[in-house]
Amino acid sequence: MTDERYRTLAGPGESSFTISGSEFIGHARPAETVDAAETFVEEVRAEYDDATHNVPAYRVRADPLRAWASDDGEPSGSAGKPALNVLDGQELENVVVVVTRYFGGTELGVGGLVSAYSRAVTEAIDDAGVREERPHERFAIEVEYDDSGTVRSILESEGVDFEASYEARVHFVVRVPTVESAALRDRIASATSGRATVEESVEQ
């Protein structure tokens, strides 16, 4: 299993500026799945439904890498592609951006639009910050109460991110670097003598 590191956003970021009366607002977020990226696009479109354009682009690690953009009514190649080119040029993955435009009455021309959309994405990324990440996966563990302390102790000792819910049985959702996943599953299975139920993966 590869442990290839990749560049992504450290958190959310925004940018805002006006050119010839048109207001541009850049929104950038990390997104670990295509569904998460598309959900964010829809959220921005809903929040800024009075805007002239909401131009989306994302690059998400999948098999193969999913890269997508839309001009959302702007002249072909003037908005979505420049936005995606910024993500590509900075080698960012698991990231989604949306640039909102309120038209100010003055046509900017294709060159002006390319420059404006590129700037909006670049400044939103700068605001978010960039970090290096390792591929992660999430899986669920379900155990009886008697084994829950053992499992929690293992997860804490490994330093992995997890959430626990205590119901009829105890349910853990674990986020772990992909290369460490198999060893962690084996350790939990061994410590609980196979009593732990492990789901292969869960949604982000």
C-alpha atoms as a PDB file:
ATOM      1  CA  MET A   1       0.000   0.000   0.000  1.00  0.00           C
ATOM      2  CA  THR A   2       1.432   3.356  -1.002  1.00  0.00           C
ATOM      3  CA  ASP A   3       2.229   6.006   1.599  1.00  0.00           C
ATOM      4  CA  GLU A   4       2.529   8.706  -1.027  1.00  0.00           C
ATOM      5  CA  ARG A   5       2.123  12.089   0.623  1.00  0.00           C
ATOM      6  CA  TYR A   6       0.171  14.840  -1.058  1.00  0.00           C
ATOM      7  CA  ARG A   7      -0.531  18.548  -0.688  1.00  0.00           C
ATOM      8  CA  THR A   8      -3.943  19.739   0.462  1.00  0.00           C
ATOM      9  CA  LEU A   9      -5.500  22.674   2.294  1.00  0.00           C
ATOM     10  CA  ALA A  10      -4.885  23.202   5.994  1.00  0.00           C
ATOM     11  CA  GLY A  11      -8.453  24.461   6.428  1.00  0.00           C
ATOM     12  CA  PRO A  12     -11.075  26.716   4.835  1.00  0.00           C
ATOM     13  CA  GLY A  13     -10.078  29.882   2.994  1.00  0.00           C
ATOM     14  CA  GLU A  14     -11.754  32.821   1.319  1.00  0.00           C
ATOM     15  CA  SER A  15     -10.882  35.788  -0.860  1.00  0.00           C
ATOM     16  CA  SER A  16     -12.782  38.839  -2.022  1.00  0.00           C
ATOM     17  CA  PHE A  17     -12.071  41.708  -4.432  1.00  0.00           C
ATOM     18  CA  THR A  18     -13.771  43.882  -7.039  1.00  0.00           C
ATOM     19  CA  ILE A  19     -12.707  44.436 -10.659  1.00  0.00           C
ATOM     20  CA  SER A  20     -14.528  46.955 -12.870  1.00  0.00           C
ATOM     21  CA  GLY A  21     -17.598  46.718 -10.647  1.00  0.00           C
ATOM     22  CA  SER A  22     -17.726  42.914 -10.580  1.00  0.00           C
ATOM     23  CA  GLU A  23     -17.307  41.370  -7.136  1.00  0.00           C
ATOM     24  CA  PHE A  24     -15.410  38.066  -6.928  1.00  0.00           C
ATOM     25  CA  ILE A  25     -15.547  35.873  -3.800  1.00  0.00           C
ATOM     26  CA  GLY A  26     -13.352  32.787  -3.627  1.00  0.00           C
ATOM     27  CA  HIS A  27     -14.225  29.856  -1.366  1.00  0.00           C
ATOM     28  CA  ALA A  28     -11.777  26.978  -0.758  1.00  0.00           C
ATOM     29  CA  ARG A  29     -12.164  23.866   1.404  1.00  0.00           C
ATOM     30  CA  PRO A  30     -10.457  20.508   1.937  1.00  0.00           C
ATOM     31  CA  ALA A  31     -12.599  17.606   0.670  1.00  0.00           C
ATOM     32  CA  GLU A  32     -11.648  13.958   1.091  1.00  0.00           C
ATOM     33  CA  THR A  33     -14.289  12.558  -1.272  1.00  0.00           C
ATOM     34  CA  VAL A  34     -16.054  13.563  -4.477  1.00  0.00           C
ATOM     35  CA  ASP A  35     -19.342  13.592  -2.540  1.00  0.00           C
ATOM     36  CA  ALA A  36     -17.883  16.034  -0.009  1.00  0.00           C
ATOM     37  CA  ALA A  37     -16.610  18.286  -2.799  1.00  0.00           C
ATOM     38  CA  GLU A  38     -19.941  18.294  -4.634  1.00  0.00           C
ATOM     39  CA  THR A  39     -21.839  18.932  -1.398  1.00  0.00           C
ATOM     40  CA  PHE A  40     -19.713  22.017  -0.749  1.00  0.00           C
ATOM     41  CA  VAL A  41     -20.349  23.274  -4.291  1.00  0.00           C
ATOM     42  CA  GLU A  42     -24.095  22.951  -3.729  1.00  0.00           C
ATOM     43  CA  GLU A  43     -23.851  24.697  -0.353  1.00  0.00           C
ATOM     44  CA  VAL A  44     -22.106  27.705  -1.898  1.00  0.00           C
ATOM     45  CA  ARG A  45     -24.581  27.810  -4.782  1.00  0.00           C
ATOM     46  CA  ALA A  46     -27.446  27.811  -2.284  1.00  0.00           C
ATOM     47  CA  GLU A  47     -25.898  30.519  -0.098  1.00  0.00           C
ATOM     48  CA  TYR A  48     -25.074  32.747  -3.086  1.00  0.00           C
ATOM     49  CA  ASP A  49     -28.089  31.896  -5.240  1.00  0.00           C
ATOM     50  CA  ASP A  50     -28.451  35.559  -6.218  1.00  0.00           C
ATOM     51  CA  ALA A  51     -24.941  35.660  -7.747  1.00  0.00           C
ATOM     52  CA  THR A  52     -24.393  35.877 -11.493  1.00  0.00           C
ATOM     53  CA  HIS A  53     -22.040  32.875 -11.479  1.00  0.00           C
ATOM     54  CA  ASN A  54     -20.774  30.274  -8.993  1.00  0.00           C
ATOM     55  CA  VAL A  55     -17.812  28.619 -10.697  1.00  0.00           C
ATOM     56  CA  PRO A  56     -16.654  25.305  -9.134  1.00  0.00           C
ATOM     57  CA  ALA A  57     -13.523  23.206  -9.472  1.00  0.00           C
ATOM     58  CA  TYR A  58     -12.124  20.290  -7.506  1.00  0.00           C
ATOM     59  CA  ARG A  59      -9.329  17.724  -7.459  1.00  0.00           C
ATOM     60  CA  VAL A  60     -10.037  14.682  -5.288  1.00  0.00           C
ATOM     61  CA  ARG A  61      -7.902  11.599  -4.727  1.00  0.00           C
ATOM     62  CA  ALA A  62      -9.753   8.610  -6.148  1.00  0.00           C
ATOM     63  CA  ASP A  63      -8.869   5.844  -8.589  1.00  0.00           C
ATOM     64  CA  PRO A  64      -8.048   7.626 -10.813  1.00  0.00           C
ATOM     65  CA  LEU A  65      -7.758  11.218  -9.534  1.00  0.00           C
ATOM     66  CA  ARG A  66     -11.010  13.099 -10.140  1.00  0.00           C
ATOM     67  CA  ALA A  67     -10.536  16.607 -11.544  1.00  0.00           C
ATOM     68  CA  TRP A  68     -13.583  18.610 -12.568  1.00  0.00           C
ATOM     69  CA  ALA A  69     -14.628  22.202 -13.227  1.00  0.00           C
ATOM     70  CA  SER A  70     -17.497  24.159 -14.763  1.00  0.00           C
ATOM     71  CA  ASP A  71     -17.667  27.617 -16.336  1.00  0.00           C
ATOM     72  CA  ASP A  72     -21.217  28.033 -14.947  1.00  0.00           C
ATOM     73  CA  GLY A  73     -22.315  30.268 -17.798  1.00  0.00           C
ATOM     74  CA  GLU A  74     -19.094  32.216 -18.276  1.00  0.00           C
ATOM     75  CA  PRO A  75     -17.457  32.064 -21.744  1.00  0.00           C
ATOM     76  CA  SER A  76     -15.953  28.639 -22.425  1.00  0.00           C
ATOM     77  CA  GLY A  77     -12.524  28.209 -20.835  1.00  0.00           C
ATOM     78  CA  SER A  78     -12.615  31.567 -19.042  1.00  0.00           C
ATOM     79  CA  ALA A  79     -13.522  30.461 -15.513  1.00  0.00           C
ATOM     80  CA  GLY A  80     -13.620  26.757 -14.552  1.00  0.00           C
ATOM     81  CA  LYS A  81     -10.421  25.773 -16.352  1.00  0.00           C
ATOM     82  CA  PRO A  82      -8.365  28.641 -14.900  1.00  0.00           C
ATOM     83  CA  ALA A  83      -9.656  27.740 -11.422  1.00  0.00           C
ATOM     84  CA  LEU A  84      -8.710  24.086 -11.923  1.00  0.00           C
ATOM     85  CA  ASN A  85      -5.341  25.102 -13.380  1.00  0.00           C
ATOM     86  CA  VAL A  86      -4.459  26.831 -10.105  1.00  0.00           C
ATOM     87  CA  LEU A  87      -5.187  23.631  -8.152  1.00  0.00           C
ATOM     88  CA  ASP A  88      -3.201  21.608 -10.663  1.00  0.00           C
ATOM     89  CA  GLY A  89      -0.314  24.062 -10.723  1.00  0.00           C
ATOM     90  CA  GLN A  90       0.001  23.990  -6.940  1.00  0.00           C
ATOM     91  CA  GLU A  91      -0.325  20.176  -6.976  1.00  0.00           C
ATOM     92  CA  LEU A  92      -3.239  20.285  -4.533  1.00  0.00           C
ATOM     93  CA  GLU A  93      -5.471  17.271  -3.993  1.00  0.00           C
ATOM     94  CA  ASN A  94      -8.609  16.662  -1.923  1.00  0.00           C
ATOM     95  CA  VAL A  95      -9.562  20.291  -2.417  1.00  0.00           C
ATOM     96  CA  VAL A  96     -12.657  22.081  -3.754  1.00  0.00           C
ATOM     97  CA  VAL A  97     -13.062  25.737  -4.718  1.00  0.00           C
ATOM     98  CA  VAL A  98     -16.014  27.844  -5.808  1.00  0.00           C
ATOM     99  CA  VAL A  99     -15.660  31.393  -7.127  1.00  0.00           C
ATOM    100  CA  THR A 100     -18.783  33.533  -6.787  1.00  0.00           C
ATOM    101  CA  ARG A 101     -19.187  36.483  -9.159  1.00  0.00           C
ATOM    102  CA  TYR A 102     -21.621  39.364  -8.962  1.00  0.00           C
ATOM    103  CA  PHE A 103     -21.566  41.039 -12.384  1.00  0.00           C
ATOM    104  CA  GLY A 104     -20.918  44.758 -12.178  1.00  0.00           C
ATOM    105  CA  GLY A 105     -22.008  45.840 -15.646  1.00  0.00           C
ATOM    106  CA  THR A 106     -18.631  45.935 -17.377  1.00  0.00           C
ATOM    107  CA  GLU A 107     -17.496  43.031 -19.576  1.00  0.00           C
ATOM    108  CA  LEU A 108     -14.018  41.872 -18.583  1.00  0.00           C
ATOM    109  CA  GLY A 109     -13.258  39.809 -21.701  1.00  0.00           C
ATOM    110  CA  VAL A 110     -11.899  36.280 -21.632  1.00  0.00           C
ATOM    111  CA  GLY A 111      -8.421  37.403 -20.580  1.00  0.00           C
ATOM    112  CA  GLY A 112      -9.810  39.479 -17.733  1.00  0.00           C
ATOM    113  CA  LEU A 113     -11.990  36.620 -16.553  1.00  0.00           C
ATOM    114  CA  VAL A 114      -9.110  34.136 -16.625  1.00  0.00           C
ATOM    115  CA  SER A 115      -7.050  36.527 -14.511  1.00  0.00           C
ATOM    116  CA  ALA A 116      -9.875  37.229 -12.048  1.00  0.00           C
ATOM    117  CA  TYR A 117     -10.890  33.602 -11.484  1.00  0.00           C
ATOM    118  CA  SER A 118      -7.268  32.509 -11.125  1.00  0.00           C
ATOM    119  CA  ARG A 119      -6.649  35.296  -8.602  1.00  0.00           C
ATOM    120  CA  ALA A 120      -9.762  34.428  -6.570  1.00  0.00           C
ATOM    121  CA  VAL A 121      -8.678  30.785  -6.234  1.00  0.00           C
ATOM    122  CA  THR A 122      -5.027  31.639  -5.526  1.00  0.00           C
ATOM    123  CA  GLU A 123      -5.926  34.106  -2.777  1.00  0.00           C
ATOM    124  CA  ALA A 124      -8.449  31.716  -1.198  1.00  0.00           C
ATOM    125  CA  ILE A 125      -5.760  29.004  -1.109  1.00  0.00           C
ATOM    126  CA  ASP A 126      -3.282  31.446   0.420  1.00  0.00           C
ATOM    127  CA  ASP A 127      -5.865  32.261   3.078  1.00  0.00           C
ATOM    128  CA  ALA A 128      -6.466  28.568   3.819  1.00  0.00           C
ATOM    129  CA  GLY A 129      -2.830  27.545   3.936  1.00  0.00           C
ATOM    130  CA  VAL A 130      -1.343  24.330   2.531  1.00  0.00           C
ATOM    131  CA  ARG A 131      -0.208  21.244   4.411  1.00  0.00           C
ATOM    132  CA  GLU A 132       1.180  17.838   3.547  1.00  0.00           C
ATOM    133  CA  GLU A 133      -1.099  14.881   4.184  1.00  0.00           C
ATOM    134  CA  ARG A 134      -0.900  11.098   4.061  1.00  0.00           C
ATOM    135  CA  PRO A 135      -3.645   8.950   2.551  1.00  0.00           C
ATOM    136  CA  HIS A 136      -6.122   7.967   5.266  1.00  0.00           C
ATOM    137  CA  GLU A 137      -9.045   5.606   5.475  1.00  0.00           C
ATOM    138  CA  ARG A 138     -11.919   5.288   7.912  1.00  0.00           C
ATOM    139  CA  PHE A 139     -13.411   2.112   9.310  1.00  0.00           C
ATOM    140  CA  ALA A 140     -15.823   1.190  12.072  1.00  0.00           C
ATOM    141  CA  ILE A 141     -15.294  -1.140  15.026  1.00  0.00           C
ATOM    142  CA  GLU A 142     -18.158  -2.561  17.091  1.00  0.00           C
ATOM    143  CA  VAL A 143     -17.579  -4.362  20.377  1.00  0.00           C
ATOM    144  CA  GLU A 144     -19.325  -5.363  23.588  1.00  0.00           C
ATOM    145  CA  TYR A 145     -18.756  -3.128  26.613  1.00  0.00           C
ATOM    146  CA  ASP A 146     -16.303  -5.646  28.100  1.00  0.00           C
ATOM    147  CA  ASP A 147     -13.918  -5.105  25.167  1.00  0.00           C
ATOM    148  CA  SER A 148     -14.458  -1.365  24.739  1.00  0.00           C
ATOM    149  CA  GLY A 149     -11.749  -0.332  27.209  1.00  0.00           C
ATOM    150  CA  THR A 150      -9.216  -2.535  25.454  1.00  0.00           C
ATOM    151  CA  VAL A 151     -10.060  -1.101  22.031  1.00  0.00           C
ATOM    152  CA  ARG A 152     -10.065   2.510  23.272  1.00  0.00           C
ATOM    153  CA  SER A 153      -6.678   1.960  24.922  1.00  0.00           C
ATOM    154  CA  ILE A 154      -5.218   0.620  21.656  1.00  0.00           C
ATOM    155  CA  LEU A 155      -6.591   3.538  19.638  1.00  0.00           C
ATOM    156  CA  GLU A 156      -5.258   6.072  22.131  1.00  0.00           C
ATOM    157  CA  SER A 157      -1.829   4.418  22.253  1.00  0.00           C
ATOM    158  CA  GLU A 158      -1.641   4.484  18.445  1.00  0.00           C
ATOM    159  CA  GLY A 159      -2.589   8.171  18.407  1.00  0.00           C
ATOM    160  CA  VAL A 160      -5.246   7.755  15.734  1.00  0.00           C
ATOM    161  CA  ASP A 161      -8.353   9.922  15.387  1.00  0.00           C
ATOM    162  CA  PHE A 162     -11.540   8.198  16.514  1.00  0.00           C
ATOM    163  CA  GLU A 163     -15.062   8.826  17.743  1.00  0.00           C
ATOM    164  CA  ALA A 164     -16.889   6.517  20.142  1.00  0.00           C
ATOM    165  CA  SER A 165     -20.617   6.044  20.748  1.00  0.00           C
ATOM    166  CA  TYR A 166     -21.986   3.935  23.569  1.00  0.00           C
ATOM    167  CA  GLU A 167     -25.305   2.260  22.811  1.00  0.00           C
ATOM    168  CA  ALA A 168     -26.336  -1.402  23.020  1.00  0.00           C
ATOM    169  CA  ARG A 169     -22.783  -2.079  21.919  1.00  0.00           C
ATOM    170  CA  VAL A 170     -19.841   0.309  21.647  1.00  0.00           C
ATOM    171  CA  HIS A 171     -19.185   1.753  18.214  1.00  0.00           C
ATOM    172  CA  PHE A 172     -15.854   3.338  17.227  1.00  0.00           C
ATOM    173  CA  VAL A 173     -15.221   5.188  13.952  1.00  0.00           C
ATOM    174  CA  VAL A 174     -11.492   5.335  13.282  1.00  0.00           C
ATOM    175  CA  ARG A 175      -9.466   7.476  10.877  1.00  0.00           C
ATOM    176  CA  VAL A 176      -6.005   6.041  10.312  1.00  0.00           C
ATOM    177  CA  PRO A 177      -3.173   6.384   7.758  1.00  0.00           C
ATOM    178  CA  THR A 178      -3.852   3.796   5.055  1.00  0.00           C
ATOM    179  CA  VAL A 179      -0.456   2.089   5.464  1.00  0.00           C
ATOM    180  CA  GLU A 180      -1.118   1.534   9.184  1.00  0.00           C
ATOM    181  CA  SER A 181      -4.686   0.282   8.818  1.00  0.00           C
ATOM    182  CA  ALA A 182      -4.062  -3.454   8.412  1.00  0.00           C
ATOM    183  CA  ALA A 183      -1.728  -3.629  11.419  1.00  0.00           C
ATOM    184  CA  LEU A 184      -4.230  -1.763  13.594  1.00  0.00           C
ATOM    185  CA  ARG A 185      -7.066  -4.092  12.570  1.00  0.00           C
ATOM    186  CA  ASP A 186      -4.891  -7.099  13.341  1.00  0.00           C
ATOM    187  CA  ARG A 187      -3.955  -5.706  16.758  1.00  0.00           C
ATOM    188  CA  ILE A 188      -7.612  -5.089  17.659  1.00  0.00           C
ATOM    189  CA  ALA A 189      -8.658  -8.534  16.444  1.00  0.00           C
ATOM    190  CA  SER A 190      -5.895 -10.152  18.493  1.00  0.00           C
ATOM    191  CA  ALA A 191      -6.617  -8.112  21.645  1.00  0.00           C
ATOM    192  CA  THR A 192     -10.326  -9.003  21.534  1.00  0.00           C
ATOM    193  CA  SER A 193      -9.786 -12.619  20.411  1.00  0.00           C
ATOM    194  CA  GLY A 194     -11.718 -11.828  17.253  1.00  0.00           C
ATOM    195  CA  ARG A 195     -14.796 -10.531  19.081  1.00  0.00           C
ATOM    196  CA  ALA A 196     -14.551  -7.052  17.530  1.00  0.00           C
ATOM    197  CA  THR A 197     -16.619  -6.536  14.398  1.00  0.00           C
ATOM    198  CA  VAL A 198     -14.741  -4.393  11.857  1.00  0.00           C
ATOM    199  CA  GLU A 199     -16.412  -2.812   8.844  1.00  0.00           C
ATOM    200  CA  GLU A 200     -14.107  -2.488   5.868  1.00  0.00           C
ATOM    201  CA  SER A 201     -14.687   1.225   5.387  1.00  0.00           C
ATOM    202  CA  VAL A 202     -17.148   3.981   6.140  1.00  0.00           C
ATOM    203  CA  GLU A 203     -18.001   7.244   4.409  1.00  0.00           C
ATOM    204  CA  GLN A 204     -15.940  10.304   5.210  1.00  0.00           C
END
